Amino acid sequence: MELLVCVLNREEKLEDLLGRFAEIGITGATVFESRGMGRVLRDDLPAFGALKDITSRSRDKNVTIFSVVQDPAKLLEAKKAILEICGDLDAPSTGIAFTVPVSSVMGFSPSTETIQNESERK
């Protein structure tokens, strides 16, 4: 089980990405507006305005998606969808995506398909 975190710098990609997640079978995610470091430095800490390199690329807002994904195949498809819809995340100011192992979770109901797949592996 992994926590998929995706920060989109282009919020117009959100609808397409969530739609693809639903097609894959990822039906639960938390989405919120977020601000990057450059924006905070520019707007909330103007003394750091001299850091033009960081603040010049900052976007007004980002969108961050959190989703716990149990099925490795779905996680792989989600990563492919992120790259297909959002493009090369290695390009500046596009976003970031990463996963973190989840050892314990409460309030998460995996689908019947996932439960069946796990019991077949044992």
N, C-alpha and C. Protein backbone atom coordinates (compact mmCIF):
# COMPACT_ATOMS: atom_id res chain seq x y z
N MET A 1 0.85 -1.17 0.00
CA MET A 1 0.00 0.00 0.00
C MET A 1 0.90 1.23 0.00
N GLU A 2 0.54 2.19 -0.83
CA GLU A 2 1.35 3.41 -0.98
C GLU A 2 0.46 4.65 -0.90
N LEU A 3 1.04 5.72 -0.41
CA LEU A 3 0.39 7.03 -0.48
C LEU A 3 0.95 7.71 -1.71
N LEU A 4 0.08 8.01 -2.65
CA LEU A 4 0.46 8.75 -3.86
C LEU A 4 0.18 10.22 -3.60
N VAL A 5 1.21 11.04 -3.77
CA VAL A 5 1.09 12.49 -3.61
C VAL A 5 1.46 13.11 -4.95
N CYS A 6 0.59 13.97 -5.45
CA CYS A 6 0.84 14.63 -6.73
C CYS A 6 0.51 16.11 -6.57
N VAL A 7 1.50 16.95 -6.78
CA VAL A 7 1.31 18.40 -6.75
C VAL A 7 1.31 18.88 -8.20
N LEU A 8 0.18 19.38 -8.63
CA LEU A 8 0.05 19.89 -10.00
C LEU A 8 0.24 21.39 -10.00
N ASN A 9 1.16 21.86 -10.78
CA ASN A 9 1.33 23.31 -10.92
C ASN A 9 0.33 23.88 -11.91
N ARG A 10 -0.25 23.02 -12.72
CA ARG A 10 -1.25 23.46 -13.69
C ARG A 10 -2.59 22.84 -13.31
N GLU A 11 -3.37 23.62 -12.54
CA GLU A 11 -4.62 23.09 -12.00
C GLU A 11 -5.63 22.73 -13.09
N GLU A 12 -5.44 23.21 -14.30
CA GLU A 12 -6.37 22.86 -15.38
C GLU A 12 -6.25 21.38 -15.77
N LYS A 13 -5.22 20.71 -15.28
CA LYS A 13 -5.04 19.28 -15.55
C LYS A 13 -5.78 18.40 -14.54
N LEU A 14 -6.30 19.00 -13.48
CA LEU A 14 -6.90 18.25 -12.38
C LEU A 14 -8.07 17.38 -12.83
N GLU A 15 -9.01 17.96 -13.57
CA GLU A 15 -10.21 17.21 -13.97
C GLU A 15 -9.84 15.98 -14.81
N ASP A 16 -8.95 16.16 -15.76
CA ASP A 16 -8.52 15.03 -16.59
C ASP A 16 -7.83 13.95 -15.75
N LEU A 17 -6.99 14.38 -14.82
CA LEU A 17 -6.25 13.42 -14.02
C LEU A 17 -7.17 12.65 -13.09
N LEU A 18 -8.08 13.33 -12.43
CA LEU A 18 -9.01 12.63 -11.54
C LEU A 18 -9.93 11.70 -12.33
N GLY A 19 -10.32 12.11 -13.52
CA GLY A 19 -11.12 11.25 -14.38
C GLY A 19 -10.39 9.98 -14.74
N ARG A 20 -9.10 10.11 -15.04
CA ARG A 20 -8.29 8.94 -15.37
C ARG A 20 -8.12 8.05 -14.13
N PHE A 21 -7.90 8.66 -12.98
CA PHE A 21 -7.81 7.87 -11.75
C PHE A 21 -9.08 7.03 -11.56
N ALA A 22 -10.23 7.64 -11.77
CA ALA A 22 -11.50 6.91 -11.62
C ALA A 22 -11.58 5.75 -12.61
N GLU A 23 -11.14 5.99 -13.84
CA GLU A 23 -11.14 4.91 -14.85
C GLU A 23 -10.24 3.75 -14.42
N ILE A 24 -9.14 4.07 -13.78
CA ILE A 24 -8.18 3.07 -13.31
C ILE A 24 -8.77 2.28 -12.13
N GLY A 25 -9.68 2.90 -11.40
CA GLY A 25 -10.26 2.27 -10.23
C GLY A 25 -9.81 2.91 -8.93
N ILE A 26 -9.13 4.03 -9.03
CA ILE A 26 -8.76 4.80 -7.84
C ILE A 26 -9.89 5.78 -7.60
N THR A 27 -10.71 5.46 -6.62
CA THR A 27 -11.94 6.23 -6.43
C THR A 27 -11.92 7.12 -5.19
N GLY A 28 -10.80 7.12 -4.47
CA GLY A 28 -10.71 7.97 -3.29
C GLY A 28 -9.44 8.80 -3.31
N ALA A 29 -9.59 10.09 -3.13
CA ALA A 29 -8.44 10.99 -3.07
C ALA A 29 -8.86 12.25 -2.33
N THR A 30 -7.90 12.90 -1.76
CA THR A 30 -8.12 14.21 -1.14
C THR A 30 -7.41 15.23 -2.01
N VAL A 31 -8.12 16.29 -2.36
CA VAL A 31 -7.58 17.33 -3.24
C VAL A 31 -7.71 18.67 -2.52
N PHE A 32 -6.62 19.43 -2.52
CA PHE A 32 -6.71 20.77 -1.94
C PHE A 32 -5.79 21.72 -2.68
N GLU A 33 -6.12 22.99 -2.59
CA GLU A 33 -5.27 24.02 -3.17
C GLU A 33 -4.06 24.20 -2.27
N SER A 34 -2.91 24.39 -2.88
CA SER A 34 -1.68 24.57 -2.11
C SER A 34 -0.84 25.67 -2.74
N ARG A 35 0.14 26.12 -1.99
CA ARG A 35 1.04 27.16 -2.48
C ARG A 35 2.46 26.66 -2.34
N GLY A 36 3.27 26.94 -3.33
CA GLY A 36 4.66 26.55 -3.27
C GLY A 36 5.49 27.56 -2.50
N MET A 37 6.71 27.17 -2.24
CA MET A 37 7.64 28.00 -1.48
C MET A 37 7.86 29.36 -2.13
N GLY A 38 7.99 29.38 -3.45
CA GLY A 38 8.20 30.65 -4.14
C GLY A 38 7.07 31.63 -3.91
N ARG A 39 5.85 31.13 -3.95
CA ARG A 39 4.69 32.00 -3.72
C ARG A 39 4.67 32.54 -2.30
N VAL A 40 4.96 31.68 -1.33
CA VAL A 40 4.98 32.12 0.07
C VAL A 40 6.07 33.18 0.27
N LEU A 41 7.25 32.92 -0.29
CA LEU A 41 8.33 33.91 -0.15
C LEU A 41 7.96 35.23 -0.80
N ARG A 42 7.32 35.16 -1.97
CA ARG A 42 6.96 36.37 -2.71
C ARG A 42 5.87 37.16 -2.00
N ASP A 43 4.83 36.46 -1.54
CA ASP A 43 3.64 37.15 -1.03
C ASP A 43 3.64 37.37 0.48
N ASP A 44 4.11 36.39 1.23
CA ASP A 44 3.99 36.46 2.69
C ASP A 44 5.27 36.91 3.38
N LEU A 45 6.39 36.74 2.70
CA LEU A 45 7.68 37.10 3.28
C LEU A 45 8.44 37.97 2.29
N PRO A 46 7.97 39.20 2.07
CA PRO A 46 8.56 40.04 1.03
C PRO A 46 10.04 40.34 1.23
N ALA A 47 10.55 40.16 2.41
CA ALA A 47 11.98 40.40 2.63
C ALA A 47 12.81 39.44 1.78
N PHE A 48 12.21 38.33 1.38
CA PHE A 48 12.90 37.36 0.54
C PHE A 48 12.68 37.62 -0.94
N GLY A 49 12.08 38.74 -1.27
CA GLY A 49 11.81 39.09 -2.66
C GLY A 49 13.05 39.13 -3.52
N ALA A 50 14.20 39.29 -2.90
CA ALA A 50 15.46 39.33 -3.65
C ALA A 50 15.81 37.98 -4.25
N LEU A 51 15.15 36.94 -3.80
CA LEU A 51 15.40 35.60 -4.35
C LEU A 51 14.60 35.43 -5.64
N LYS A 52 14.92 36.24 -6.61
CA LYS A 52 14.18 36.27 -7.87
C LYS A 52 14.12 34.92 -8.56
N ASP A 53 15.16 34.13 -8.44
CA ASP A 53 15.21 32.85 -9.12
C ASP A 53 14.09 31.93 -8.65
N ILE A 54 13.82 31.93 -7.36
CA ILE A 54 12.76 31.08 -6.81
C ILE A 54 11.39 31.70 -7.08
N THR A 55 11.24 32.97 -6.79
CA THR A 55 9.91 33.58 -6.84
C THR A 55 9.43 33.87 -8.25
N SER A 56 10.32 33.98 -9.23
CA SER A 56 9.89 34.32 -10.58
C SER A 56 9.12 33.15 -11.23
N ARG A 57 9.39 31.93 -10.81
CA ARG A 57 8.71 30.77 -11.39
C ARG A 57 7.48 30.34 -10.61
N SER A 58 7.21 31.00 -9.49
CA SER A 58 6.11 30.55 -8.65
C SER A 58 4.76 30.83 -9.31
N ARG A 59 3.86 29.90 -9.15
CA ARG A 59 2.51 30.03 -9.70
C ARG A 59 1.60 30.53 -8.58
N ASP A 60 0.45 31.08 -8.98
CA ASP A 60 -0.46 31.60 -7.97
C ASP A 60 -0.94 30.51 -7.02
N LYS A 61 -1.25 29.33 -7.58
CA LYS A 61 -1.64 28.23 -6.71
C LYS A 61 -1.38 26.90 -7.42
N ASN A 62 -1.27 25.89 -6.60
CA ASN A 62 -1.09 24.53 -7.07
C ASN A 62 -2.29 23.73 -6.57
N VAL A 63 -2.38 22.51 -7.03
CA VAL A 63 -3.38 21.59 -6.53
C VAL A 63 -2.63 20.34 -6.07
N THR A 64 -2.91 19.88 -4.87
CA THR A 64 -2.25 18.70 -4.34
C THR A 64 -3.27 17.59 -4.16
N ILE A 65 -2.90 16.40 -4.61
CA ILE A 65 -3.76 15.22 -4.53
C ILE A 65 -3.08 14.19 -3.63
N PHE A 66 -3.81 13.66 -2.67
CA PHE A 66 -3.35 12.55 -1.83
C PHE A 66 -4.27 11.37 -2.09
N SER A 67 -3.71 10.20 -2.32
CA SER A 67 -4.53 9.00 -2.48
C SER A 67 -3.78 7.78 -1.97
N VAL A 68 -4.42 6.99 -1.12
CA VAL A 68 -3.85 5.73 -0.67
C VAL A 68 -4.24 4.69 -1.71
N VAL A 69 -3.24 4.04 -2.29
CA VAL A 69 -3.48 3.06 -3.35
C VAL A 69 -2.92 1.72 -2.89
N GLN A 70 -3.79 0.73 -2.84
CA GLN A 70 -3.37 -0.57 -2.36
C GLN A 70 -2.85 -1.48 -3.47
N ASP A 71 -3.44 -1.41 -4.63
CA ASP A 71 -3.10 -2.30 -5.73
C ASP A 71 -1.90 -1.76 -6.52
N PRO A 72 -0.78 -2.50 -6.57
CA PRO A 72 0.40 -2.03 -7.30
C PRO A 72 0.14 -1.75 -8.78
N ALA A 73 -0.74 -2.52 -9.40
CA ALA A 73 -1.05 -2.30 -10.81
C ALA A 73 -1.76 -0.96 -11.00
N LYS A 74 -2.66 -0.62 -10.09
CA LYS A 74 -3.35 0.66 -10.17
C LYS A 74 -2.38 1.81 -9.93
N LEU A 75 -1.44 1.61 -9.02
CA LEU A 75 -0.44 2.64 -8.75
C LEU A 75 0.41 2.90 -9.99
N LEU A 76 0.82 1.85 -10.65
CA LEU A 76 1.61 1.99 -11.87
C LEU A 76 0.81 2.73 -12.94
N GLU A 77 -0.46 2.39 -13.10
CA GLU A 77 -1.30 3.07 -14.08
C GLU A 77 -1.50 4.54 -13.71
N ALA A 78 -1.61 4.83 -12.42
CA ALA A 78 -1.75 6.22 -11.97
C ALA A 78 -0.51 7.03 -12.32
N LYS A 79 0.67 6.44 -12.12
CA LYS A 79 1.92 7.13 -12.47
C LYS A 79 1.98 7.39 -13.97
N LYS A 80 1.57 6.42 -14.76
CA LYS A 80 1.55 6.61 -16.21
C LYS A 80 0.58 7.72 -16.59
N ALA A 81 -0.57 7.76 -15.94
CA ALA A 81 -1.57 8.79 -16.22
C ALA A 81 -1.03 10.18 -15.89
N ILE A 82 -0.33 10.29 -14.78
CA ILE A 82 0.25 11.59 -14.40
C ILE A 82 1.19 12.08 -15.49
N LEU A 83 2.07 11.21 -15.96
CA LEU A 83 3.02 11.61 -17.00
C LEU A 83 2.32 11.93 -18.32
N GLU A 84 1.31 11.14 -18.65
CA GLU A 84 0.59 11.37 -19.91
C GLU A 84 -0.17 12.69 -19.89
N ILE A 85 -0.83 12.96 -18.80
CA ILE A 85 -1.69 14.15 -18.71
C ILE A 85 -0.90 15.41 -18.37
N CYS A 86 0.07 15.29 -17.48
CA CYS A 86 0.79 16.46 -17.00
C CYS A 86 2.11 16.71 -17.73
N GLY A 87 2.58 15.71 -18.46
CA GLY A 87 3.84 15.87 -19.17
C GLY A 87 5.03 15.54 -18.28
N ASP A 88 6.19 15.88 -18.76
CA ASP A 88 7.45 15.58 -18.07
C ASP A 88 7.56 16.41 -16.80
N LEU A 89 7.48 15.77 -15.66
CA LEU A 89 7.56 16.49 -14.40
C LEU A 89 8.98 16.95 -14.08
N ASP A 90 9.95 16.52 -14.87
CA ASP A 90 11.31 17.01 -14.67
C ASP A 90 11.48 18.42 -15.22
N ALA A 91 10.55 18.87 -16.04
CA ALA A 91 10.59 20.24 -16.55
C ALA A 91 10.25 21.21 -15.41
N PRO A 92 10.88 22.38 -15.38
CA PRO A 92 10.61 23.33 -14.29
C PRO A 92 9.15 23.74 -14.22
N SER A 93 8.68 23.93 -12.99
CA SER A 93 7.34 24.47 -12.71
C SER A 93 6.21 23.65 -13.29
N THR A 94 6.36 22.33 -13.32
CA THR A 94 5.27 21.48 -13.79
C THR A 94 4.58 20.77 -12.65
N GLY A 95 5.32 20.38 -11.65
CA GLY A 95 4.75 19.68 -10.53
C GLY A 95 5.69 18.60 -10.03
N ILE A 96 5.18 17.80 -9.11
CA ILE A 96 5.96 16.72 -8.54
C ILE A 96 4.99 15.61 -8.14
N ALA A 97 5.45 14.40 -8.26
CA ALA A 97 4.65 13.25 -7.80
C ALA A 97 5.60 12.28 -7.12
N PHE A 98 5.12 11.67 -6.04
CA PHE A 98 5.94 10.69 -5.34
C PHE A 98 5.02 9.77 -4.55
N THR A 99 5.58 8.65 -4.11
CA THR A 99 4.83 7.72 -3.27
C THR A 99 5.60 7.49 -1.99
N VAL A 100 4.85 7.14 -0.96
CA VAL A 100 5.41 6.84 0.34
C VAL A 100 4.74 5.56 0.83
N PRO A 101 5.53 4.59 1.32
CA PRO A 101 4.91 3.37 1.82
C PRO A 101 3.97 3.68 3.00
N VAL A 102 2.85 2.98 3.04
CA VAL A 102 1.88 3.13 4.12
C VAL A 102 1.85 1.81 4.88
N SER A 103 2.22 1.85 6.14
CA SER A 103 2.24 0.61 6.92
C SER A 103 0.94 0.37 7.67
N SER A 104 0.17 1.41 7.86
CA SER A 104 -1.08 1.27 8.60
C SER A 104 -2.05 2.33 8.11
N VAL A 105 -3.33 1.97 8.07
CA VAL A 105 -4.35 2.94 7.65
C VAL A 105 -5.66 2.63 8.36
N MET A 106 -6.39 3.66 8.71
CA MET A 106 -7.73 3.50 9.28
C MET A 106 -8.68 4.30 8.40
N GLY A 107 -9.90 3.80 8.24
CA GLY A 107 -10.88 4.50 7.44
C GLY A 107 -10.72 4.29 5.96
N PHE A 108 -10.10 3.20 5.58
CA PHE A 108 -9.87 2.90 4.17
C PHE A 108 -10.54 1.57 3.87
N SER A 109 -11.48 1.58 2.94
CA SER A 109 -12.17 0.36 2.55
C SER A 109 -11.74 -0.04 1.15
N PRO A 110 -10.84 -1.03 1.04
CA PRO A 110 -10.43 -1.47 -0.29
C PRO A 110 -11.59 -2.13 -1.02
N SER A 111 -11.50 -2.12 -2.34
CA SER A 111 -12.57 -2.72 -3.14
C SER A 111 -12.57 -4.23 -2.97
N THR A 112 -13.69 -4.86 -3.27
CA THR A 112 -13.81 -6.32 -3.19
C THR A 112 -12.77 -6.99 -4.07
N GLU A 113 -12.51 -6.42 -5.24
CA GLU A 113 -11.52 -6.97 -6.16
C GLU A 113 -10.14 -7.03 -5.51
N THR A 114 -9.76 -5.98 -4.81
CA THR A 114 -8.46 -5.95 -4.17
C THR A 114 -8.39 -6.98 -3.05
N ILE A 115 -9.45 -7.10 -2.25
CA ILE A 115 -9.48 -8.08 -1.17
C ILE A 115 -9.35 -9.48 -1.75
N GLN A 116 -10.05 -9.78 -2.82
CA GLN A 116 -9.97 -11.08 -3.45
C GLN A 116 -8.56 -11.34 -3.96
N ASN A 117 -7.95 -10.36 -4.59
CA ASN A 117 -6.59 -10.52 -5.11
C ASN A 117 -5.61 -10.80 -3.99
N GLU A 118 -5.75 -10.14 -2.86
CA GLU A 118 -4.85 -10.38 -1.73
C GLU A 118 -5.03 -11.78 -1.17
N SER A 119 -6.27 -12.23 -1.04
CA SER A 119 -6.49 -13.55 -0.48
C SER A 119 -5.98 -14.64 -1.42
N GLU A 120 -5.99 -14.39 -2.72
CA GLU A 120 -5.47 -15.36 -3.69
C GLU A 120 -3.96 -15.47 -3.57
N ARG A 121 -3.26 -14.41 -3.15
CA ARG A 121 -1.82 -14.43 -3.05
C ARG A 121 -1.34 -15.24 -1.84
N LYS A 122 -2.19 -15.37 -0.84
CA LYS A 122 -1.79 -16.06 0.42
C LYS A 122 -1.82 -17.55 0.28
